[in-house]
Amino acid sequence: MIELSIVRDLVAIFGVIAGFTYYVLTVRNAQKARRTDTFMRLYQSRHDPETHQRFWKLMEQEWVDFDDFMNRYGPEVNPEMAALRTSLWSQYDGIGMLVQDNMVDLDTVYRMMYQAIVMVWYKYETVIKGLREMEGGPGPDYYMNFEHLANELIKIRKRNGHPLPTNRLHPTSTLHPELKV
């Protein structure tokens, strides 16, 4: 006959297993809910009319080189455009950080906003790199998450055999040839 203590131990073990399973499932559901919430916030901000206006105002800017850019659009000369620019760059940098921290799936970002991110990166890559190198500037890690995100999206686009928006490359672009074509 089975001793009562063995039955009690088995019930305790099954109780612990059931509790642990419930905990794991609850944590997974919470993670999915956070990811869904993060995705929905990105989606809403992507389709906000202000975001579209900001994007197209930035895509209209023209300059010859870094010095010309700073003379036309630098924060001291044109603080309104600098604010629009840094707010969009910061949004893309934040998305890059979320992707690197596995809070948002790279494929989801690709499907949702590939073109806007890459078009902005192609247009402003030399400006961002120039700001990194500028004496007294923001430093070498300035918008690195944005750069990483754009490069990863470009790789996905190439892997899928789709064309890149190279017409948006600034003439002074220093992008690696693999990322240009």
N, C-alpha and C. Protein backbone atom coordinates (compact mmCIF):
# COMPACT_ATOMS: atom_id res chain seq x y z
N MET A 1 0.84 -1.17 0.00
CA MET A 1 0.00 0.00 0.00
C MET A 1 0.89 1.25 0.00
N ILE A 2 0.45 2.24 -0.73
CA ILE A 2 1.21 3.48 -0.84
C ILE A 2 1.03 4.28 0.43
N GLU A 3 2.15 4.73 0.90
CA GLU A 3 2.09 5.51 2.15
C GLU A 3 1.48 6.88 1.88
N LEU A 4 0.84 7.37 2.88
CA LEU A 4 0.19 8.68 2.80
C LEU A 4 1.19 9.79 2.51
N SER A 5 2.41 9.69 3.00
CA SER A 5 3.43 10.72 2.80
C SER A 5 3.85 10.78 1.33
N ILE A 6 3.87 9.63 0.66
CA ILE A 6 4.24 9.62 -0.76
C ILE A 6 3.15 10.31 -1.58
N VAL A 7 1.90 10.03 -1.27
CA VAL A 7 0.78 10.67 -1.96
C VAL A 7 0.82 12.17 -1.73
N ARG A 8 1.07 12.56 -0.50
CA ARG A 8 1.15 13.98 -0.17
C ARG A 8 2.30 14.64 -0.94
N ASP A 9 3.44 13.97 -1.04
CA ASP A 9 4.58 14.52 -1.77
C ASP A 9 4.27 14.65 -3.26
N LEU A 10 3.59 13.63 -3.82
CA LEU A 10 3.23 13.69 -5.24
C LEU A 10 2.25 14.83 -5.51
N VAL A 11 1.30 15.01 -4.64
CA VAL A 11 0.34 16.12 -4.78
C VAL A 11 1.09 17.45 -4.71
N ALA A 12 2.02 17.57 -3.81
CA ALA A 12 2.82 18.79 -3.67
C ALA A 12 3.64 19.05 -4.93
N ILE A 13 4.25 17.99 -5.46
CA ILE A 13 5.07 18.13 -6.67
C ILE A 13 4.20 18.57 -7.84
N PHE A 14 3.05 17.93 -8.03
CA PHE A 14 2.15 18.32 -9.12
C PHE A 14 1.63 19.74 -8.93
N GLY A 15 1.41 20.12 -7.69
CA GLY A 15 0.99 21.49 -7.41
C GLY A 15 2.06 22.50 -7.80
N VAL A 16 3.32 22.20 -7.51
CA VAL A 16 4.43 23.07 -7.88
C VAL A 16 4.54 23.15 -9.40
N ILE A 17 4.43 22.00 -10.07
CA ILE A 17 4.52 21.97 -11.53
C ILE A 17 3.38 22.79 -12.14
N ALA A 18 2.17 22.63 -11.64
CA ALA A 18 1.02 23.37 -12.15
C ALA A 18 1.22 24.87 -11.91
N GLY A 19 1.70 25.24 -10.75
CA GLY A 19 1.94 26.65 -10.44
C GLY A 19 3.00 27.25 -11.33
N PHE A 20 4.09 26.51 -11.56
CA PHE A 20 5.16 26.98 -12.43
C PHE A 20 4.66 27.14 -13.86
N THR A 21 3.89 26.17 -14.34
CA THR A 21 3.33 26.24 -15.70
C THR A 21 2.43 27.46 -15.84
N TYR A 22 1.59 27.69 -14.85
CA TYR A 22 0.71 28.86 -14.87
C TYR A 22 1.53 30.15 -14.91
N TYR A 23 2.58 30.21 -14.13
CA TYR A 23 3.45 31.38 -14.09
C TYR A 23 4.10 31.63 -15.46
N VAL A 24 4.64 30.57 -16.07
CA VAL A 24 5.29 30.71 -17.38
C VAL A 24 4.29 31.21 -18.42
N LEU A 25 3.10 30.63 -18.44
CA LEU A 25 2.08 31.04 -19.40
C LEU A 25 1.66 32.49 -19.17
N THR A 26 1.55 32.89 -17.93
CA THR A 26 1.18 34.26 -17.60
C THR A 26 2.26 35.24 -18.07
N VAL A 27 3.52 34.90 -17.85
CA VAL A 27 4.62 35.75 -18.28
C VAL A 27 4.64 35.86 -19.80
N ARG A 28 4.45 34.75 -20.49
CA ARG A 28 4.43 34.78 -21.97
C ARG A 28 3.29 35.64 -22.48
N ASN A 29 2.13 35.51 -21.89
CA ASN A 29 0.99 36.33 -22.31
C ASN A 29 1.25 37.81 -22.05
N ALA A 30 1.89 38.12 -20.94
CA ALA A 30 2.22 39.51 -20.64
C ALA A 30 3.22 40.07 -21.65
N GLN A 31 4.20 39.25 -22.04
CA GLN A 31 5.16 39.68 -23.04
C GLN A 31 4.48 39.93 -24.38
N LYS A 32 3.59 39.04 -24.78
CA LYS A 32 2.85 39.23 -26.03
C LYS A 32 2.02 40.50 -25.97
N ALA A 33 1.39 40.75 -24.83
CA ALA A 33 0.57 41.95 -24.68
C ALA A 33 1.43 43.21 -24.79
N ARG A 34 2.63 43.19 -24.18
CA ARG A 34 3.53 44.34 -24.27
C ARG A 34 3.99 44.56 -25.71
N ARG A 35 4.33 43.48 -26.39
CA ARG A 35 4.76 43.61 -27.79
C ARG A 35 3.64 44.15 -28.65
N THR A 36 2.44 43.65 -28.43
CA THR A 36 1.29 44.12 -29.19
C THR A 36 1.04 45.60 -28.92
N ASP A 37 1.12 46.01 -27.68
CA ASP A 37 0.93 47.41 -27.32
C ASP A 37 2.00 48.28 -27.97
N THR A 38 3.25 47.84 -27.91
CA THR A 38 4.35 48.59 -28.52
C THR A 38 4.13 48.70 -30.02
N PHE A 39 3.76 47.59 -30.65
CA PHE A 39 3.50 47.60 -32.09
C PHE A 39 2.39 48.58 -32.44
N MET A 40 1.30 48.55 -31.68
CA MET A 40 0.17 49.42 -31.99
C MET A 40 0.56 50.90 -31.83
N ARG A 41 1.39 51.19 -30.86
CA ARG A 41 1.85 52.58 -30.71
C ARG A 41 2.70 53.01 -31.91
N LEU A 42 3.58 52.11 -32.36
CA LEU A 42 4.39 52.41 -33.54
C LEU A 42 3.50 52.59 -34.76
N TYR A 43 2.55 51.71 -34.91
CA TYR A 43 1.64 51.77 -36.05
C TYR A 43 0.86 53.08 -36.06
N GLN A 44 0.34 53.47 -34.91
CA GLN A 44 -0.42 54.71 -34.82
C GLN A 44 0.47 55.93 -35.11
N SER A 45 1.69 55.92 -34.57
CA SER A 45 2.57 57.06 -34.83
C SER A 45 2.99 57.10 -36.29
N ARG A 46 3.14 55.96 -36.90
CA ARG A 46 3.53 55.89 -38.32
C ARG A 46 2.45 56.49 -39.21
N HIS A 47 1.21 56.31 -38.86
CA HIS A 47 0.10 56.77 -39.70
C HIS A 47 -0.52 58.07 -39.22
N ASP A 48 0.15 58.74 -38.33
CA ASP A 48 -0.30 60.03 -37.84
C ASP A 48 -0.01 61.08 -38.92
N PRO A 49 -0.96 61.96 -39.22
CA PRO A 49 -0.72 62.98 -40.26
C PRO A 49 0.51 63.84 -39.98
N GLU A 50 0.78 64.15 -38.72
CA GLU A 50 1.96 64.95 -38.40
C GLU A 50 3.25 64.23 -38.79
N THR A 51 3.29 62.92 -38.61
CA THR A 51 4.47 62.15 -38.99
C THR A 51 4.68 62.23 -40.49
N HIS A 52 3.62 62.12 -41.27
CA HIS A 52 3.73 62.22 -42.73
C HIS A 52 4.19 63.62 -43.15
N GLN A 53 3.64 64.64 -42.53
CA GLN A 53 4.05 66.01 -42.86
C GLN A 53 5.52 66.24 -42.54
N ARG A 54 5.93 65.76 -41.37
CA ARG A 54 7.34 65.90 -40.95
C ARG A 54 8.24 65.18 -41.95
N PHE A 55 7.86 63.96 -42.31
CA PHE A 55 8.64 63.17 -43.25
C PHE A 55 8.84 63.92 -44.57
N TRP A 56 7.75 64.40 -45.15
CA TRP A 56 7.86 65.04 -46.46
C TRP A 56 8.57 66.39 -46.39
N LYS A 57 8.43 67.11 -45.30
CA LYS A 57 9.20 68.36 -45.15
C LYS A 57 10.70 68.06 -45.13
N LEU A 58 11.07 66.98 -44.47
CA LEU A 58 12.48 66.61 -44.41
C LEU A 58 12.99 66.12 -45.76
N MET A 59 12.14 65.42 -46.49
CA MET A 59 12.57 64.89 -47.79
C MET A 59 12.72 66.01 -48.82
N GLU A 60 12.09 67.18 -48.59
CA GLU A 60 12.20 68.32 -49.50
C GLU A 60 13.51 69.09 -49.35
N GLN A 61 14.20 68.93 -48.22
CA GLN A 61 15.41 69.71 -47.98
C GLN A 61 16.50 69.35 -48.99
N GLU A 62 17.23 70.36 -49.40
CA GLU A 62 18.33 70.19 -50.36
C GLU A 62 19.58 70.87 -49.82
N TRP A 63 20.74 70.24 -50.05
CA TRP A 63 22.02 70.81 -49.66
C TRP A 63 23.12 70.15 -50.49
N VAL A 64 24.26 70.81 -50.53
CA VAL A 64 25.38 70.34 -51.34
C VAL A 64 26.30 69.43 -50.52
N ASP A 65 26.69 69.90 -49.33
CA ASP A 65 27.58 69.14 -48.46
C ASP A 65 27.22 69.44 -47.01
N PHE A 66 27.99 68.89 -46.08
CA PHE A 66 27.67 69.05 -44.66
C PHE A 66 27.65 70.51 -44.24
N ASP A 67 28.65 71.28 -44.67
CA ASP A 67 28.70 72.70 -44.30
C ASP A 67 27.48 73.46 -44.84
N ASP A 68 27.12 73.17 -46.08
CA ASP A 68 25.94 73.80 -46.66
C ASP A 68 24.68 73.41 -45.86
N PHE A 69 24.60 72.15 -45.46
CA PHE A 69 23.47 71.70 -44.66
C PHE A 69 23.38 72.48 -43.36
N MET A 70 24.51 72.59 -42.65
CA MET A 70 24.52 73.30 -41.37
C MET A 70 24.17 74.78 -41.55
N ASN A 71 24.62 75.39 -42.67
CA ASN A 71 24.30 76.80 -42.93
C ASN A 71 22.82 77.01 -43.23
N ARG A 72 22.18 76.02 -43.82
CA ARG A 72 20.76 76.13 -44.16
C ARG A 72 19.83 75.60 -43.06
N TYR A 73 20.21 74.47 -42.46
CA TYR A 73 19.27 73.75 -41.60
C TYR A 73 19.79 73.47 -40.18
N GLY A 74 20.97 73.97 -39.85
CA GLY A 74 21.52 73.74 -38.52
C GLY A 74 20.60 74.30 -37.44
N PRO A 75 20.70 73.80 -36.22
CA PRO A 75 19.77 74.23 -35.16
C PRO A 75 19.86 75.71 -34.82
N GLU A 76 21.02 76.32 -35.00
CA GLU A 76 21.14 77.75 -34.72
C GLU A 76 20.46 78.59 -35.79
N VAL A 77 20.48 78.11 -37.03
CA VAL A 77 19.95 78.84 -38.17
C VAL A 77 18.46 78.55 -38.38
N ASN A 78 18.08 77.29 -38.21
CA ASN A 78 16.72 76.88 -38.52
C ASN A 78 16.22 75.91 -37.43
N PRO A 79 15.93 76.43 -36.25
CA PRO A 79 15.54 75.54 -35.14
C PRO A 79 14.26 74.75 -35.39
N GLU A 80 13.34 75.29 -36.20
CA GLU A 80 12.10 74.57 -36.48
C GLU A 80 12.38 73.28 -37.26
N MET A 81 13.21 73.40 -38.30
CA MET A 81 13.54 72.21 -39.10
C MET A 81 14.41 71.25 -38.29
N ALA A 82 15.27 71.77 -37.46
CA ALA A 82 16.10 70.91 -36.61
C ALA A 82 15.21 70.10 -35.66
N ALA A 83 14.18 70.73 -35.14
CA ALA A 83 13.26 70.02 -34.24
C ALA A 83 12.49 68.93 -34.99
N LEU A 84 12.01 69.26 -36.18
CA LEU A 84 11.31 68.25 -36.99
C LEU A 84 12.22 67.08 -37.31
N ARG A 85 13.44 67.42 -37.69
CA ARG A 85 14.41 66.40 -38.09
C ARG A 85 14.77 65.49 -36.92
N THR A 86 15.13 66.08 -35.81
CA THR A 86 15.56 65.24 -34.68
C THR A 86 14.41 64.45 -34.09
N SER A 87 13.19 64.96 -34.20
CA SER A 87 12.07 64.17 -33.68
C SER A 87 11.85 62.91 -34.52
N LEU A 88 11.98 63.02 -35.84
CA LEU A 88 11.82 61.85 -36.69
C LEU A 88 13.02 60.91 -36.54
N TRP A 89 14.23 61.45 -36.53
CA TRP A 89 15.40 60.62 -36.33
C TRP A 89 15.33 59.89 -34.99
N SER A 90 14.88 60.59 -33.97
CA SER A 90 14.77 59.97 -32.65
C SER A 90 13.73 58.85 -32.64
N GLN A 91 12.65 59.04 -33.36
CA GLN A 91 11.64 57.99 -33.46
C GLN A 91 12.26 56.74 -34.10
N TYR A 92 12.99 56.91 -35.19
CA TYR A 92 13.61 55.78 -35.86
C TYR A 92 14.73 55.17 -35.01
N ASP A 93 15.44 55.99 -34.28
CA ASP A 93 16.47 55.49 -33.38
C ASP A 93 15.84 54.65 -32.27
N GLY A 94 14.72 55.10 -31.75
CA GLY A 94 14.01 54.35 -30.71
C GLY A 94 13.50 53.02 -31.24
N ILE A 95 12.99 53.01 -32.47
CA ILE A 95 12.54 51.75 -33.06
C ILE A 95 13.72 50.81 -33.23
N GLY A 96 14.86 51.34 -33.63
CA GLY A 96 16.07 50.52 -33.76
C GLY A 96 16.46 49.91 -32.43
N MET A 97 16.35 50.68 -31.37
CA MET A 97 16.67 50.16 -30.03
C MET A 97 15.68 49.07 -29.64
N LEU A 98 14.40 49.27 -29.90
CA LEU A 98 13.39 48.26 -29.58
C LEU A 98 13.64 46.96 -30.35
N VAL A 99 14.07 47.08 -31.61
CA VAL A 99 14.38 45.89 -32.40
C VAL A 99 15.59 45.17 -31.80
N GLN A 100 16.62 45.92 -31.46
CA GLN A 100 17.83 45.30 -30.90
C GLN A 100 17.56 44.65 -29.55
N ASP A 101 16.62 45.19 -28.79
CA ASP A 101 16.26 44.63 -27.48
C ASP A 101 15.16 43.57 -27.58
N ASN A 102 14.82 43.19 -28.82
CA ASN A 102 13.79 42.17 -29.09
C ASN A 102 12.42 42.54 -28.52
N MET A 103 12.14 43.82 -28.45
CA MET A 103 10.82 44.27 -28.02
C MET A 103 9.87 44.37 -29.22
N VAL A 104 10.45 44.58 -30.40
CA VAL A 104 9.69 44.64 -31.64
C VAL A 104 10.43 43.79 -32.65
N ASP A 105 9.69 43.05 -33.44
CA ASP A 105 10.26 42.16 -34.44
C ASP A 105 10.72 42.96 -35.67
N LEU A 106 11.94 42.70 -36.13
CA LEU A 106 12.49 43.40 -37.29
C LEU A 106 11.63 43.20 -38.52
N ASP A 107 11.12 42.01 -38.72
CA ASP A 107 10.27 41.74 -39.88
C ASP A 107 9.00 42.58 -39.84
N THR A 108 8.46 42.78 -38.66
CA THR A 108 7.26 43.62 -38.51
C THR A 108 7.59 45.06 -38.88
N VAL A 109 8.71 45.56 -38.43
CA VAL A 109 9.12 46.93 -38.78
C VAL A 109 9.33 47.04 -40.28
N TYR A 110 9.95 46.01 -40.86
CA TYR A 110 10.17 46.01 -42.30
C TYR A 110 8.84 46.12 -43.06
N ARG A 111 7.90 45.28 -42.68
CA ARG A 111 6.61 45.28 -43.38
C ARG A 111 5.83 46.57 -43.15
N MET A 112 6.02 47.20 -42.02
CA MET A 112 5.23 48.37 -41.66
C MET A 112 5.83 49.69 -42.15
N MET A 113 7.16 49.82 -42.07
CA MET A 113 7.72 51.14 -42.33
C MET A 113 9.11 51.12 -42.96
N TYR A 114 9.43 50.07 -43.69
CA TYR A 114 10.74 49.97 -44.33
C TYR A 114 11.09 51.22 -45.14
N GLN A 115 10.19 51.57 -46.05
CA GLN A 115 10.54 52.59 -47.01
C GLN A 115 10.83 53.94 -46.37
N ALA A 116 10.03 54.35 -45.42
CA ALA A 116 10.25 55.66 -44.78
C ALA A 116 11.59 55.69 -44.06
N ILE A 117 11.90 54.64 -43.32
CA ILE A 117 13.15 54.60 -42.55
C ILE A 117 14.36 54.65 -43.48
N VAL A 118 14.34 53.84 -44.52
CA VAL A 118 15.49 53.78 -45.43
C VAL A 118 15.61 55.06 -46.25
N MET A 119 14.49 55.62 -46.68
CA MET A 119 14.56 56.87 -47.44
C MET A 119 15.18 57.98 -46.60
N VAL A 120 14.80 58.08 -45.34
CA VAL A 120 15.36 59.11 -44.47
C VAL A 120 16.84 58.83 -44.22
N TRP A 121 17.18 57.56 -44.00
CA TRP A 121 18.60 57.23 -43.76
C TRP A 121 19.43 57.56 -45.00
N TYR A 122 18.96 57.18 -46.18
CA TYR A 122 19.69 57.48 -47.41
C TYR A 122 19.90 58.98 -47.57
N LYS A 123 18.88 59.75 -47.26
CA LYS A 123 18.99 61.20 -47.44
C LYS A 123 19.92 61.85 -46.42
N TYR A 124 19.87 61.39 -45.16
CA TYR A 124 20.57 62.10 -44.08
C TYR A 124 21.79 61.36 -43.52
N GLU A 125 22.16 60.28 -44.11
CA GLU A 125 23.29 59.48 -43.59
C GLU A 125 24.56 60.32 -43.44
N THR A 126 24.91 61.10 -44.45
CA THR A 126 26.15 61.89 -44.36
C THR A 126 26.03 63.01 -43.33
N VAL A 127 24.83 63.54 -43.15
CA VAL A 127 24.62 64.59 -42.15
C VAL A 127 24.81 64.02 -40.75
N ILE A 128 24.18 62.87 -40.49
CA ILE A 128 24.30 62.24 -39.17
C ILE A 128 25.75 61.89 -38.88
N LYS A 129 26.44 61.33 -39.88
CA LYS A 129 27.86 60.98 -39.69
C LYS A 129 28.71 62.24 -39.50
N GLY A 130 28.37 63.31 -40.19
CA GLY A 130 29.07 64.57 -40.02
C GLY A 130 28.87 65.14 -38.62
N LEU A 131 27.66 65.04 -38.10
CA LEU A 131 27.38 65.51 -36.74
C LEU A 131 28.15 64.69 -35.71
N ARG A 132 28.30 63.40 -35.97
CA ARG A 132 29.07 62.53 -35.05
C ARG A 132 30.52 62.98 -34.95
N GLU A 133 31.05 63.43 -36.08
CA GLU A 133 32.47 63.79 -36.14
C GLU A 133 32.73 65.25 -35.80
N MET A 134 31.70 66.04 -35.73
CA MET A 134 31.83 67.47 -35.48
C MET A 134 32.44 67.73 -34.10
N GLU A 135 33.38 68.65 -34.05
CA GLU A 135 33.98 69.01 -32.77
C GLU A 135 32.90 69.58 -31.85
N GLY A 136 32.82 69.03 -30.66
CA GLY A 136 31.78 69.44 -29.72
C GLY A 136 30.41 68.88 -30.07
N GLY A 137 30.38 67.97 -31.03
CA GLY A 137 29.12 67.37 -31.47
C GLY A 137 28.65 66.28 -30.53
N PRO A 138 27.62 65.56 -30.94
CA PRO A 138 26.99 64.57 -30.06
C PRO A 138 27.81 63.30 -29.84
N GLY A 139 28.81 63.05 -30.66
CA GLY A 139 29.67 61.90 -30.44
C GLY A 139 29.42 60.74 -31.41
N PRO A 140 30.26 59.71 -31.31
CA PRO A 140 30.25 58.62 -32.30
C PRO A 140 29.03 57.71 -32.24
N ASP A 141 28.27 57.75 -31.17
CA ASP A 141 27.10 56.86 -31.08
C ASP A 141 25.79 57.56 -31.44
N TYR A 142 25.88 58.77 -31.97
CA TYR A 142 24.70 59.56 -32.33
C TYR A 142 23.86 58.83 -33.36
N TYR A 143 22.65 58.47 -33.00
CA TYR A 143 21.69 57.77 -33.85
C TYR A 143 22.23 56.46 -34.43
N MET A 144 23.02 55.75 -33.65
CA MET A 144 23.55 54.46 -34.08
C MET A 144 22.45 53.41 -34.24
N ASN A 145 21.41 53.47 -33.39
CA ASN A 145 20.31 52.52 -33.50
C ASN A 145 19.53 52.73 -34.80
N PHE A 146 19.40 53.98 -35.20
CA PHE A 146 18.75 54.32 -36.47
C PHE A 146 19.58 53.74 -37.62
N GLU A 147 20.88 53.94 -37.57
CA GLU A 147 21.76 53.42 -38.62
C GLU A 147 21.68 51.90 -38.69
N HIS A 148 21.76 51.26 -37.55
CA HIS A 148 21.70 49.79 -37.51
C HIS A 148 20.37 49.30 -38.08
N LEU A 149 19.27 49.94 -37.68
CA LEU A 149 17.95 49.55 -38.17
C LEU A 149 17.87 49.70 -39.68
N ALA A 150 18.30 50.83 -40.20
CA ALA A 150 18.24 51.06 -41.65
C ALA A 150 19.07 50.01 -42.39
N ASN A 151 20.26 49.71 -41.91
CA ASN A 151 21.10 48.72 -42.57
C ASN A 151 20.47 47.33 -42.55
N GLU A 152 19.82 46.98 -41.43
CA GLU A 152 19.15 45.67 -41.36
C GLU A 152 17.96 45.61 -42.31
N LEU A 153 17.22 46.69 -42.41
CA LEU A 153 16.08 46.73 -43.33
C LEU A 153 16.54 46.65 -44.78
N ILE A 154 17.66 47.30 -45.09
CA ILE A 154 18.22 47.25 -46.44
C ILE A 154 18.63 45.81 -46.76
N LYS A 155 19.23 45.12 -45.81
CA LYS A 155 19.62 43.72 -46.04
C LYS A 155 18.41 42.84 -46.32
N ILE A 156 17.34 43.04 -45.58
CA ILE A 156 16.11 42.27 -45.82
C ILE A 156 15.59 42.56 -47.22
N ARG A 157 15.57 43.82 -47.58
CA ARG A 157 15.06 44.22 -48.90
C ARG A 157 15.88 43.56 -50.00
N LYS A 158 17.20 43.58 -49.85
CA LYS A 158 18.07 42.96 -50.85
C LYS A 158 17.86 41.45 -50.89
N ARG A 159 17.76 40.83 -49.71
CA ARG A 159 17.57 39.38 -49.63
C ARG A 159 16.26 38.96 -50.33
N ASN A 160 15.24 39.81 -50.24
CA ASN A 160 13.97 39.53 -50.89
C ASN A 160 13.99 39.85 -52.38
N GLY A 161 15.10 40.41 -52.86
CA GLY A 161 15.24 40.71 -54.28
C GLY A 161 14.46 41.93 -54.74
N HIS A 162 14.15 42.82 -53.82
CA HIS A 162 13.39 44.03 -54.17
C HIS A 162 14.33 45.21 -54.34
N PRO A 163 13.95 46.16 -55.18
CA PRO A 163 14.82 47.33 -55.39
C PRO A 163 14.86 48.24 -54.17
N LEU A 164 15.95 48.95 -54.05
CA LEU A 164 16.13 49.92 -52.97
C LEU A 164 15.85 51.32 -53.50
N PRO A 165 15.40 52.23 -52.62
CA PRO A 165 15.12 53.60 -53.07
C PRO A 165 16.40 54.42 -53.22
N THR A 166 17.29 53.97 -54.11
CA THR A 166 18.59 54.63 -54.24
C THR A 166 18.47 56.04 -54.81
N ASN A 167 17.33 56.37 -55.38
CA ASN A 167 17.14 57.75 -55.87
C ASN A 167 17.15 58.74 -54.71
N ARG A 168 17.01 58.25 -53.48
CA ARG A 168 17.02 59.12 -52.30
C ARG A 168 18.42 59.27 -51.70
N LEU A 169 19.40 58.53 -52.23
CA LEU A 169 20.76 58.68 -51.72
C LEU A 169 21.24 60.10 -51.97
N HIS A 170 21.83 60.69 -50.97
CA HIS A 170 22.42 62.02 -51.17
C HIS A 170 23.70 61.83 -51.97
N PRO A 171 24.03 62.77 -52.85
CA PRO A 171 25.25 62.63 -53.65
C PRO A 171 26.53 62.44 -52.82
N THR A 172 26.53 62.89 -51.58
CA THR A 172 27.72 62.75 -50.75
C THR A 172 27.72 61.46 -49.93
N SER A 173 26.81 60.55 -50.22
CA SER A 173 26.66 59.32 -49.43
C SER A 173 27.96 58.54 -49.33
N THR A 174 28.19 57.99 -48.15
CA THR A 174 29.37 57.15 -47.92
C THR A 174 28.96 55.71 -47.66
N LEU A 175 27.73 55.38 -47.98
CA LEU A 175 27.26 54.02 -47.70
C LEU A 175 28.09 52.99 -48.47
N HIS A 176 28.26 51.85 -47.84
CA HIS A 176 28.96 50.73 -48.44
C HIS A 176 28.24 50.34 -49.72
N PRO A 177 28.99 50.02 -50.79
CA PRO A 177 28.35 49.69 -52.07
C PRO A 177 27.28 48.59 -51.96
N GLU A 178 27.46 47.63 -51.06
CA GLU A 178 26.47 46.56 -50.91
C GLU A 178 25.11 47.12 -50.47
N LEU A 179 25.13 48.21 -49.72
CA LEU A 179 23.89 48.77 -49.22
C LEU A 179 23.28 49.78 -50.19
N LYS A 180 24.04 50.18 -51.18
CA LYS A 180 23.53 51.16 -52.14
C LYS A 180 22.70 50.50 -53.22
N VAL A 181 23.12 49.38 -53.70
CA VAL A 181 22.49 48.79 -54.90
C VAL A 181 21.37 47.85 -54.54
